[in-house]
Protein backbone atom coordinates (compact mmCIF):
# COMPACT_ATOMS: atom_id res chain seq x y z
CA UNK A 1 -11.94 3.91 17.24
CA UNK A 2 -10.91 0.31 18.25
CA UNK A 3 -7.31 -0.59 17.19
CA UNK A 4 -5.79 2.99 17.56
CA UNK A 5 -5.73 5.36 20.85
CA UNK A 6 -7.97 8.32 20.03
CA UNK A 7 -8.38 11.74 20.74
CA UNK A 8 -10.64 14.66 19.78
CA UNK A 9 -8.89 17.86 19.34
CA UNK A 10 -9.24 21.18 17.30
CA UNK A 11 -7.85 21.69 13.88
CA UNK A 12 -5.81 24.37 14.69
CA UNK A 13 -3.38 22.21 17.15
CA UNK A 14 -2.76 19.97 14.46
CA UNK A 15 0.64 21.57 13.51
CA UNK A 16 1.91 21.44 17.02
CA UNK A 17 1.08 18.05 17.26
CA UNK A 18 2.60 16.93 13.82
CA UNK A 19 6.02 18.73 14.89
CA UNK A 20 6.01 16.72 18.16
CA UNK A 21 5.54 13.51 16.73
CA UNK A 22 8.25 14.45 14.10
CA UNK A 23 10.69 15.53 16.95
CA UNK A 24 9.89 12.02 18.63
CA UNK A 25 10.89 9.94 15.95
CA UNK A 26 7.04 8.99 15.23
CA UNK A 27 5.41 8.77 11.68
CA UNK A 28 2.24 10.09 10.24
CA UNK A 29 0.60 7.32 8.40
CA UNK A 30 -2.51 9.11 6.54
CA UNK A 31 -5.22 11.88 6.99
CA UNK A 32 -8.89 11.31 5.57
CA UNK A 33 -12.09 12.81 5.66
CA UNK A 34 -15.60 11.32 6.35
CA UNK A 35 -19.19 12.55 7.35
CA UNK A 36 -20.66 11.36 10.57
CA UNK A 37 -23.70 13.10 9.81
CA UNK A 38 -24.82 15.09 6.60
CA UNK A 39 -23.30 18.28 6.48
CA UNK A 40 -20.21 17.64 9.25
CA UNK A 41 -16.91 16.80 8.20
CA UNK A 42 -14.35 15.26 10.33
CA UNK A 43 -10.67 14.90 9.46
CA UNK A 44 -8.75 11.92 11.06
CA UNK A 45 -5.12 11.97 11.29
CA UNK A 46 -3.38 8.43 11.69
CA UNK A 47 0.16 8.20 13.22
CA UNK A 48 2.55 5.36 14.69
CA UNK A 49 4.58 6.83 17.55
CA UNK A 50 8.10 5.82 17.80
CA UNK A 51 7.31 3.10 20.34
CA UNK A 52 6.05 -0.06 18.41
CA UNK A 53 2.69 -1.85 19.12
CA UNK A 54 0.26 1.19 18.96
CA UNK A 55 -1.41 3.92 16.91
CA UNK A 56 -2.74 7.15 17.60
CA UNK A 57 -5.65 8.58 15.83
CA UNK A 58 -6.60 12.59 16.24
CA UNK A 59 -10.06 13.62 15.11
CA UNK A 60 -11.00 17.48 14.43
CA UNK A 61 -14.12 19.03 12.73
CA UNK A 62 -12.80 21.96 10.54
CA UNK A 63 -14.46 25.09 10.26
CA UNK A 64 -13.44 26.55 6.92
CA UNK A 65 -10.20 25.89 5.25
CA UNK A 66 -7.74 23.77 7.37
CA UNK A 67 -3.82 24.36 7.85
CA UNK A 68 -1.88 21.98 5.39
CA UNK A 69 0.73 19.81 7.17
CA UNK A 70 2.56 18.91 4.00
CA UNK A 71 5.25 21.27 4.98
CA UNK A 72 5.78 19.52 8.19
CA UNK A 73 5.06 15.93 6.88
CA UNK A 74 5.32 16.03 3.13
CA UNK A 75 4.01 12.39 2.95
CA UNK A 76 0.68 13.84 3.88
CA UNK A 77 0.64 15.99 0.66
CA UNK A 78 -1.27 13.74 -1.47
CA UNK A 79 -3.59 12.77 1.35
CA UNK A 80 -4.62 16.21 1.71
CA UNK A 81 -5.25 16.74 -2.09
CA UNK A 82 -7.21 13.52 -1.77
CA UNK A 83 -9.35 15.20 0.37
CA UNK A 84 -9.68 18.27 -1.56
CA UNK A 85 -10.91 16.31 -4.48
CA UNK A 86 -13.36 13.94 -2.78
CA UNK A 87 -14.80 16.46 -0.23
CA UNK A 88 -14.00 19.76 -1.63
CA UNK A 89 -12.34 20.80 1.83
CA UNK A 90 -9.48 23.33 1.42
CA UNK A 91 -5.99 23.33 2.96
CA UNK A 92 -4.34 26.63 3.17
CA UNK A 93 -0.58 26.87 2.13
CA UNK A 94 -0.76 23.76 0.45
CA UNK A 95 2.40 23.75 -1.85
CA UNK A 96 0.65 21.55 -4.33
CA UNK A 97 -3.03 22.46 -4.47
CA UNK A 98 -4.01 21.34 -7.95
CA UNK A 99 -6.38 18.32 -8.45
CA UNK A 100 -4.99 14.74 -7.82
CA UNK A 101 -7.75 11.92 -7.87
CA UNK A 102 -10.36 13.49 -10.10
CA UNK A 103 -10.66 15.36 -13.28
CA UNK A 104 -11.29 19.24 -13.05
CA UNK A 105 -15.06 19.10 -13.76
CA UNK A 106 -15.95 16.21 -11.41
CA UNK A 107 -17.60 17.60 -8.22
CA UNK A 108 -16.54 16.34 -4.78
CA UNK A 109 -18.54 13.07 -4.26
CA UNK A 110 -18.50 12.76 -0.54
CA UNK A 111 -19.53 16.66 -0.20
CA UNK A 112 -22.97 15.82 1.14
CA UNK A 113 -24.18 19.13 2.21
CA UNK A 114 -21.26 20.15 3.85
CA UNK A 115 -20.68 23.09 1.65
CA UNK A 116 -17.16 23.04 1.14
CA UNK A 117 -16.91 23.46 -2.53
CA UNK A 118 -16.47 27.07 -2.34
CA UNK A 119 -13.39 26.57 -0.47
CA UNK A 120 -11.53 24.70 -2.92
CA UNK A 121 -11.00 27.15 -5.85
CA UNK A 122 -7.36 26.33 -5.83
CA UNK A 123 -7.87 22.60 -6.50
CA UNK A 124 -9.49 23.50 -9.68
CA UNK A 125 -6.19 24.50 -10.86
CA UNK A 126 -4.80 22.09 -13.60
CA UNK A 127 -1.96 19.87 -12.98
CA UNK A 128 1.16 22.19 -13.03
CA UNK A 129 3.98 21.42 -15.52
CA UNK A 130 7.43 23.34 -15.44
CA UNK A 131 7.68 25.78 -18.48
CA UNK A 132 10.62 25.34 -21.02
CA UNK A 133 13.08 28.29 -21.03
CA UNK A 134 15.85 26.33 -22.97
CA UNK A 135 15.22 25.38 -26.57
CA UNK A 136 17.19 22.04 -26.09
CA UNK A 137 15.13 20.57 -23.46
CA UNK A 138 12.72 18.13 -25.16
CA UNK A 139 9.22 17.04 -23.56
CA UNK A 140 7.84 13.51 -23.99
CA UNK A 141 4.53 12.62 -22.78
CA UNK A 142 3.86 8.80 -22.42
CA UNK A 143 0.70 7.23 -22.00
CA UNK A 144 -1.70 6.81 -20.54
CA UNK A 145 -2.07 3.95 -23.09
CA UNK A 146 1.11 1.99 -22.58
CA UNK A 147 2.57 -1.11 -24.41
CA UNK A 148 1.54 -4.85 -23.29
CA UNK A 149 -1.07 -5.08 -20.36
CA UNK A 150 0.58 -2.27 -18.37
CA UNK A 151 -2.10 -0.25 -16.68
CA UNK A 152 -3.00 2.93 -17.63
CA UNK A 153 -0.82 6.20 -16.39
CA UNK A 154 0.58 9.23 -17.93
CA UNK A 155 4.28 10.38 -17.42
CA UNK A 156 5.86 13.55 -18.78
CA UNK A 157 9.44 13.59 -19.26
CA UNK A 158 11.39 16.61 -19.71
CA UNK A 159 15.07 15.73 -20.94
CA UNK A 160 18.18 16.52 -22.76
CA UNK A 161 19.53 13.75 -24.52
CA UNK A 162 19.31 10.75 -22.31
CA UNK A 163 19.43 12.86 -19.26
CA UNK A 164 15.95 13.31 -17.52
CA UNK A 165 15.66 16.65 -16.01
CA UNK A 166 12.27 16.46 -14.52
CA UNK A 167 9.75 13.88 -14.30
CA UNK A 168 5.91 14.34 -13.83
CA UNK A 169 3.57 11.13 -13.27
CA UNK A 170 -0.27 11.64 -13.86
CA UNK A 171 -2.04 8.74 -12.58
CA UNK A 172 -5.62 7.98 -11.29
CA UNK A 173 -6.94 7.37 -14.58
CA UNK A 174 -8.25 4.08 -13.12
CA UNK A 175 -9.77 5.77 -10.08
CA UNK A 176 -12.90 3.75 -9.34
CA UNK A 177 -14.21 5.22 -6.44
CA UNK A 178 -13.70 1.91 -4.48
CA UNK A 179 -14.14 3.60 -1.03
CA UNK A 180 -17.40 5.14 -2.16
CA UNK A 181 -18.35 1.83 -3.15
CA UNK A 182 -18.39 0.24 0.48
CA UNK A 183 -20.80 2.89 1.67
CA UNK A 184 -24.29 1.25 2.27
CA UNK A 185 -22.73 -2.65 2.31
CA UNK A 186 -23.38 -4.99 5.15
CA UNK A 187 -20.21 -5.15 7.06
CA UNK A 188 -19.74 -8.92 6.19
CA UNK A 189 -20.05 -8.53 2.53
CA UNK A 190 -17.26 -5.81 2.42
CA UNK A 191 -14.55 -8.69 2.22
CA UNK A 192 -15.48 -9.34 -1.24
CA UNK A 193 -15.03 -5.96 -2.48
CA UNK A 194 -11.76 -5.45 -0.62
CA UNK A 195 -10.35 -8.46 -2.46
CA UNK A 196 -10.98 -6.66 -5.60
CA UNK A 197 -9.37 -3.22 -4.74
CA UNK A 198 -6.07 -4.68 -5.94
CA UNK A 199 -5.96 -7.95 -7.40
CA UNK A 200 -2.37 -8.96 -6.59
CA UNK A 201 -3.26 -7.95 -3.00
CA UNK A 202 -6.45 -10.00 -2.58
CA UNK A 203 -5.12 -11.64 0.77
CA UNK A 204 -3.66 -8.47 2.39
CA UNK A 205 -6.86 -6.02 1.46
CA UNK A 206 -9.34 -8.81 2.82
CA UNK A 207 -7.13 -9.27 6.01
CA UNK A 208 -6.84 -5.76 6.79
CA UNK A 209 -10.51 -5.01 6.14
CA UNK A 210 -11.76 -7.94 8.23
CA UNK A 211 -9.41 -7.14 11.02
CA UNK A 212 -10.99 -3.59 11.13
CA UNK A 213 -14.51 -5.04 11.31
CA UNK A 214 -13.22 -7.58 14.12
CA UNK A 215 -12.04 -4.43 15.94
CA UNK A 216 -15.21 -2.51 15.25
CA UNK A 217 -17.31 -5.81 16.57
CA UNK A 218 -14.68 -6.78 19.36
CA UNK A 219 -14.66 -9.96 17.77
CA UNK A 220 -12.03 -12.78 18.48
CA UNK A 221 -10.74 -14.96 15.86
CA UNK A 222 -9.93 -18.72 16.52
CA UNK A 223 -6.49 -19.49 16.74
CA UNK A 224 -6.38 -21.94 13.92
CA UNK A 225 -7.71 -19.19 11.61
CA UNK A 226 -5.00 -16.74 12.87
CA UNK A 227 -2.26 -19.45 11.63
CA UNK A 228 -4.01 -20.09 8.61
CA UNK A 229 -4.15 -16.27 7.79
CA UNK A 230 -0.32 -15.95 8.22
CA UNK A 231 -0.16 -18.77 5.62
CA UNK A 232 -2.40 -17.05 3.28
CA UNK A 233 -0.32 -13.81 3.68
CA UNK A 234 2.93 -15.30 2.84
CA UNK A 235 1.81 -17.28 -0.08
CA UNK A 236 0.74 -14.08 -1.58
CA UNK A 237 4.14 -12.41 -0.70
CA UNK A 238 5.98 -15.29 -2.31
CA UNK A 239 4.35 -15.11 -5.70
CA UNK A 240 4.23 -11.26 -5.69
CA UNK A 241 7.97 -11.23 -5.22
CA UNK A 242 8.47 -14.07 -7.64
CA UNK A 243 6.65 -11.94 -10.33
CA UNK A 244 8.90 -8.87 -9.35
CA UNK A 245 12.09 -10.90 -9.80
CA UNK A 246 10.86 -12.26 -13.40
CA UNK A 247 9.61 -8.41 -14.53
CA UNK A 248 12.82 -6.94 -13.30
CA UNK A 249 14.84 -9.35 -15.30
CA UNK A 250 12.70 -8.53 -18.35
CA UNK A 251 13.80 -4.71 -17.99
CA UNK A 252 17.36 -5.64 -17.94
CA UNK A 253 16.59 -7.78 -21.05
CA UNK A 254 17.59 -10.85 -19.28
CA UNK A 255 14.87 -13.01 -21.02
CA UNK A 256 15.95 -16.27 -19.61
CA UNK A 257 15.75 -14.83 -16.04
CA UNK A 258 12.20 -13.43 -17.00
CA UNK A 259 11.06 -16.68 -18.29
CA UNK A 260 12.10 -18.49 -15.15
CA UNK A 261 10.94 -15.75 -12.67
CA UNK A 262 7.46 -16.03 -13.93
CA UNK A 263 7.61 -19.94 -14.24
CA UNK A 264 8.21 -19.86 -10.61
CA UNK A 265 5.36 -17.50 -9.95
CA UNK A 266 3.11 -19.87 -11.85
CA UNK A 267 4.04 -22.72 -9.63
CA UNK A 268 3.37 -20.69 -6.58
CA UNK A 269 -0.17 -19.63 -8.05
CA UNK A 270 -0.80 -23.26 -8.66
CA UNK A 271 0.07 -24.28 -5.02
CA UNK A 272 -2.48 -21.37 -4.01
CA UNK A 273 -5.08 -23.30 -6.22
CA UNK A 274 -4.52 -26.50 -4.98
CA UNK A 275 -4.99 -25.09 -1.40
CA UNK A 276 -7.82 -22.81 -1.83
CA UNK A 277 -9.21 -23.12 -5.10
CA UNK A 278 -7.98 -19.67 -6.00
CA UNK A 279 -4.90 -18.96 -7.74
CA UNK A 280 -5.11 -15.48 -6.04
CA UNK A 281 -6.13 -16.87 -2.59
CA UNK A 282 -9.70 -15.27 -2.98
CA UNK A 283 -12.89 -16.28 -1.03
CA UNK A 284 -11.16 -17.32 2.09
CA UNK A 285 -10.75 -14.75 4.62
CA UNK A 286 -13.98 -13.43 6.05
CA UNK A 287 -14.80 -11.34 9.08
CA UNK A 288 -14.42 -13.65 12.21
CA UNK A 289 -11.89 -15.89 10.67
CA UNK A 290 -12.11 -17.91 7.46
CA UNK A 291 -15.21 -18.69 5.32
CA UNK A 292 -13.95 -22.45 5.45
CA UNK A 293 -11.02 -24.69 6.90
CA UNK A 294 -8.24 -25.56 4.69
CA UNK A 295 -6.24 -28.80 4.59
CA UNK A 296 -2.49 -28.07 4.27
CA UNK A 297 -0.85 -31.41 4.54
CA UNK A 298 2.23 -32.96 3.93
CA UNK A 299 1.90 -32.05 0.25
CA UNK A 300 2.14 -28.21 0.98
CA UNK A 301 5.47 -28.62 3.20
CA UNK A 302 6.87 -30.68 0.29
CA UNK A 303 5.79 -28.21 -2.27
CA UNK A 304 7.14 -25.21 -0.51
CA UNK A 305 10.50 -27.00 0.03
CA UNK A 306 10.66 -27.91 -3.72
CA UNK A 307 9.74 -23.99 -4.79
CA UNK A 308 12.13 -22.66 -2.11
CA UNK A 309 14.93 -24.71 -3.50
CA UNK A 310 14.33 -24.04 -7.29
CA UNK A 311 13.94 -20.07 -6.22
CA UNK A 312 17.21 -20.21 -4.17
CA UNK A 313 19.01 -21.36 -7.44
CA UNK A 314 17.17 -18.88 -9.62
CA UNK A 315 18.22 -15.93 -7.24
CA UNK A 316 21.99 -17.12 -7.07
CA UNK A 317 21.98 -16.99 -11.05
CA UNK A 318 20.58 -13.94 -10.95
CA UNK A 319 23.27 -12.81 -8.40
CA UNK A 320 25.84 -13.99 -10.84
CA UNK A 321 24.36 -12.35 -14.04
CA UNK A 322 26.76 -9.34 -14.49
CA UNK A 323 24.80 -7.85 -17.08
CA UNK A 324 21.50 -7.49 -14.81
CA UNK A 325 23.56 -6.58 -11.74
CA UNK A 326 25.23 -3.79 -13.79
CA UNK A 327 21.77 -2.30 -14.76
CA UNK A 328 20.50 -2.38 -11.08
CA UNK A 329 23.37 -1.15 -9.07
CA UNK A 330 23.28 2.83 -8.45
CA UNK A 331 19.93 3.01 -10.38
CA UNK A 332 17.19 4.86 -8.86
CA UNK A 333 18.80 5.85 -5.44
CA UNK A 334 16.45 6.49 -2.79
CA UNK A 335 18.35 8.20 0.25
CA UNK A 336 16.88 7.23 3.61
CA UNK A 337 15.71 11.04 4.25
CA UNK A 338 13.66 11.18 1.47
CA UNK A 339 12.17 7.72 1.76
CA UNK A 340 11.09 8.78 5.68
CA UNK A 341 9.91 12.33 4.59
CA UNK A 342 7.78 11.07 1.59
CA UNK A 343 6.45 8.18 3.11
CA UNK A 344 8.10 5.30 1.45
CA UNK A 345 6.84 2.10 2.64
CA UNK A 346 7.57 -1.88 2.45
CA UNK A 347 10.32 -3.27 0.41
CA UNK A 348 11.16 0.17 -0.76
CA UNK A 349 11.71 1.80 2.46
CA UNK A 350 13.89 -1.47 4.03
CA UNK A 351 15.81 -0.90 0.90
CA UNK A 352 16.77 2.69 2.23
CA UNK A 353 17.72 1.57 5.70
CA UNK A 354 14.46 1.99 7.47
CA UNK A 355 13.51 -0.94 9.60
CA UNK A 356 10.02 -1.10 9.76
CA UNK A 357 7.54 -4.02 9.03
CA UNK A 358 3.93 -4.14 10.55
CA UNK A 359 4.05 -7.82 11.04
CA UNK A 360 6.81 -7.40 13.59
CA UNK A 361 6.18 -3.76 15.02
CA UNK A 362 2.20 -4.28 15.28
CA UNK A 363 1.85 -7.96 15.43
CA UNK A 364 -1.56 -9.29 14.06
CA UNK A 365 -2.91 -12.42 13.18
CA UNK A 366 -0.41 -15.13 14.63
CA UNK A 367 2.60 -12.95 13.70
CA UNK A 368 3.08 -12.18 17.27
CA UNK A 369 3.88 -15.86 18.20
CA UNK A 370 6.57 -16.05 15.34
CA UNK A 371 10.26 -15.19 15.03
CA UNK A 372 10.28 -12.89 11.94
CA UNK A 373 13.42 -12.00 9.97
CA UNK A 374 13.29 -8.52 8.30
CA UNK A 375 15.67 -8.03 5.52
CA UNK A 376 16.99 -4.38 5.28
CA UNK A 377 19.49 -2.82 3.11
CA UNK A 378 20.90 0.75 2.84
CA UNK A 379 22.00 1.39 -0.61
CA UNK A 380 18.51 2.37 -1.59
CA UNK A 381 19.09 1.69 -5.37
CA UNK A 382 17.27 -0.78 -7.46
CA UNK A 383 19.54 -3.78 -6.69
CA UNK A 384 18.89 -3.20 -2.84
CA UNK A 385 15.17 -3.12 -3.44
CA UNK A 386 15.33 -6.76 -5.51
CA UNK A 387 17.50 -7.93 -2.63
CA UNK A 388 15.39 -7.06 0.22
CA UNK A 389 12.29 -9.11 -1.81
CA UNK A 390 14.75 -12.04 -2.69
CA UNK A 391 15.41 -12.23 1.17
CA UNK A 392 11.86 -11.91 1.86
CA UNK A 393 11.05 -15.03 -0.04
CA UNK A 394 13.40 -17.14 1.95
CA UNK A 395 11.83 -15.46 5.27
CA UNK A 396 8.20 -16.15 3.73
CA UNK A 397 9.08 -19.66 3.10
CA UNK A 398 10.63 -20.31 6.98
CA UNK A 399 7.40 -18.64 8.39
CA UNK A 400 5.10 -20.96 6.35
CA UNK A 401 7.05 -23.85 7.26
CA UNK A 402 6.79 -23.08 11.10
CA UNK A 403 2.80 -22.43 10.67
CA UNK A 404 2.74 -26.06 9.34
CA UNK A 405 4.62 -27.29 12.05
CA UNK A 406 2.51 -25.23 14.85
CA UNK A 407 -0.99 -25.46 13.44
CA UNK A 408 -3.62 -27.12 15.53
CA UNK A 409 -7.21 -28.39 14.96
CA UNK A 410 -10.13 -26.30 16.04
CA UNK A 411 -12.61 -23.72 14.66
CA UNK A 412 -11.85 -21.29 11.91
CA UNK A 413 -14.69 -18.57 12.41
CA UNK A 414 -16.66 -16.78 15.17
CA UNK A 415 -19.54 -14.54 14.34
CA UNK A 416 -18.59 -10.96 13.75
CA UNK A 417 -21.92 -9.51 14.94
CA UNK A 418 -21.74 -5.88 13.94
CA UNK A 419 -22.74 -3.00 16.14
CA UNK A 420 -24.24 0.24 14.71
CA UNK A 421 -22.09 3.40 15.25
CA UNK A 422 -18.78 1.17 15.71
CA UNK A 423 -15.30 1.80 14.41
CA UNK A 424 -12.27 -0.08 13.81
CA UNK A 425 -8.79 -0.08 12.44
CA UNK A 426 -7.31 -2.97 10.61
CA UNK A 427 -3.56 -3.22 8.98
CA UNK A 428 -1.40 -5.79 7.10
CA UNK A 429 2.25 -5.71 5.93
CA UNK A 430 1.17 -6.39 2.06
CA UNK A 431 4.02 -7.57 -0.40
CA UNK A 432 4.38 -3.78 -1.29
CA UNK A 433 4.22 -2.39 2.31
CA UNK A 434 1.78 -0.91 4.96
CA UNK A 435 -2.06 -1.38 4.15
CA UNK A 436 -4.44 0.08 6.32
CA UNK A 437 -8.37 0.00 6.76
CA UNK A 438 -10.51 2.16 8.87
CA UNK A 439 -14.16 1.38 8.99
CA UNK A 440 -16.99 3.54 10.16
CA UNK A 441 -20.23 1.71 10.68
CA UNK A 442 -23.42 3.95 10.61
CA UNK A 443 -26.40 4.00 12.97
CA UNK A 444 -28.39 1.19 10.50
CA UNK A 445 -25.59 -1.14 10.96
CA UNK A 446 -24.10 -0.71 7.44
CA UNK A 447 -20.78 0.85 6.17
CA UNK A 448 -20.87 4.52 6.45
CA UNK A 449 -17.03 5.06 5.49
CA UNK A 450 -14.35 2.77 4.60
CA UNK A 451 -10.88 4.75 4.08
CA UNK A 452 -7.93 2.43 2.43
CA UNK A 453 -4.18 3.42 2.91
CA UNK A 454 -2.82 1.62 -0.03
CA UNK A 455 1.31 0.76 -0.10
CA UNK A 456 1.44 1.96 -3.92
CA UNK A 457 -0.53 5.28 -3.19
CA UNK A 458 2.59 6.07 -0.97
CA UNK A 459 5.44 4.45 -3.11
CA UNK A 460 4.11 6.13 -6.21
CA UNK A 461 4.52 9.57 -4.55
CA UNK A 462 8.03 8.52 -3.39
CA UNK A 463 9.04 7.38 -6.81
CA UNK A 464 9.65 10.59 -8.92
CA UNK A 465 12.37 11.57 -6.35
CA UNK A 466 14.38 8.78 -7.90
CA UNK A 467 13.85 9.83 -11.53
CA UNK A 468 14.75 13.42 -11.96
CA UNK A 469 18.25 13.69 -13.08
CA UNK A 470 18.85 10.01 -14.01
CA UNK A 471 19.19 8.75 -17.42
CA UNK A 472 16.17 7.58 -19.91
CA UNK A 473 17.53 4.28 -20.37
CA UNK A 474 17.37 2.87 -16.68
CA UNK A 475 13.55 4.44 -16.25
CA UNK A 476 11.99 1.14 -17.00
CA UNK A 477 14.30 -0.59 -14.79
CA UNK A 478 13.69 1.92 -11.83
CA UNK A 479 9.96 1.75 -12.18
CA UNK A 480 10.15 -2.00 -11.98
CA UNK A 481 12.10 -1.83 -8.94
CA UNK A 482 9.65 -0.25 -7.05
CA UNK A 483 6.91 -2.97 -7.77
CA UNK A 484 4.29 -0.58 -8.13
CA UNK A 485 0.53 -1.03 -8.93
CA UNK A 486 -1.62 1.61 -10.69
CA UNK A 487 -4.81 0.01 -9.14
CA UNK A 488 -3.51 -0.30 -6.09
CA UNK A 489 -2.80 3.45 -6.00
CA UNK A 490 -5.86 5.05 -7.85
CA UNK A 491 -8.34 2.64 -5.93
């Protein structure tokens, strides 16, 4: 696969490879399945070794059930369960072999003649909940319909008084089968769908998808387009982080802080609209570069400077609001070891002391030509997560100002001529963390399989570890501090 060092192996050798990766300080990113031809399922394991700048991909053809790697890499647990649901392939010795993505009565949509359904009896087990032995323990099922415009999800709390003993999230009510919808599309048309996987991550998804197509096509993107892609990606990061700060203020009942944060978010979106015609920056990125050139003149430099000054004042006020800080400090602590084992990503992992960022460690677009500041905190609590995002706004504005100074004239798009049976890996550091697209083009030149590794899929898995044994009154603050999206997780 273009974009990753690829090797074909036997499925039986994967546990040994996974242990060696763990011992060397690398990281397993995901595992996914696809069918190169009807009746033949292939598993693809993507990893990032300790040394930055490259990815590893191991491919194997399972015969019968496959050994689960969740005991070695807990972060793979959800990916294996997703494969059970979508392909019907069984993973033996899996610690949680119940359904994750689809309801029990829905057959595996990708099981195209492979005959795996008989292997997945354990996946038909309904989601497990602890049995109650003490009468004083109460149960609260909350959702899937929640207040306001919050996305659908069901959370079950087991608690005594205000103390949460156990928390079980049930997501995927919004599962739209987006990966399946890519199949059969022309590769050049897939960017429109990628932009709609997660509305607040349109640029990151389009960028990762287009870079995967470009890798598959061996297409070189013009330099001006690479610089403008950085500009668009950082504009998306800024408005996301401003929304985050406003929403977090709402959960601590800091109403003025909520209003100011969302006002700044609105001003950032107005800048987006003036530059691209879309508040969410859609319809610009395309395979080969950009659909059209942009005109970021002196007005953008001035607008960013004004937004940064207002944001700095706003963050300073938050930092001096004791009632706000008191609710954040020590809330929802995520230890570094748990963050690493369970696959935390983005600001969530960096707030727990894990210094990783794809823009720096695996540069794409024009990030390799820019000095990048990566804020890291150690406490792993809600305050650390908010501090990382606030610092990232400063870093993003500084990056965009450099782009405007260095931007040169030139073309913004080259032809991305797709080849049959081509494959490519693309990635982006979205506002919520690492995002991957693995693209497989079929013999007819159309998309055969598109796999999306979404940051919210990773961080929703991590989140419950910060809820157990916490206070019920802190739950909304803790959830807001993770900056999660359900649509990005469910796909």
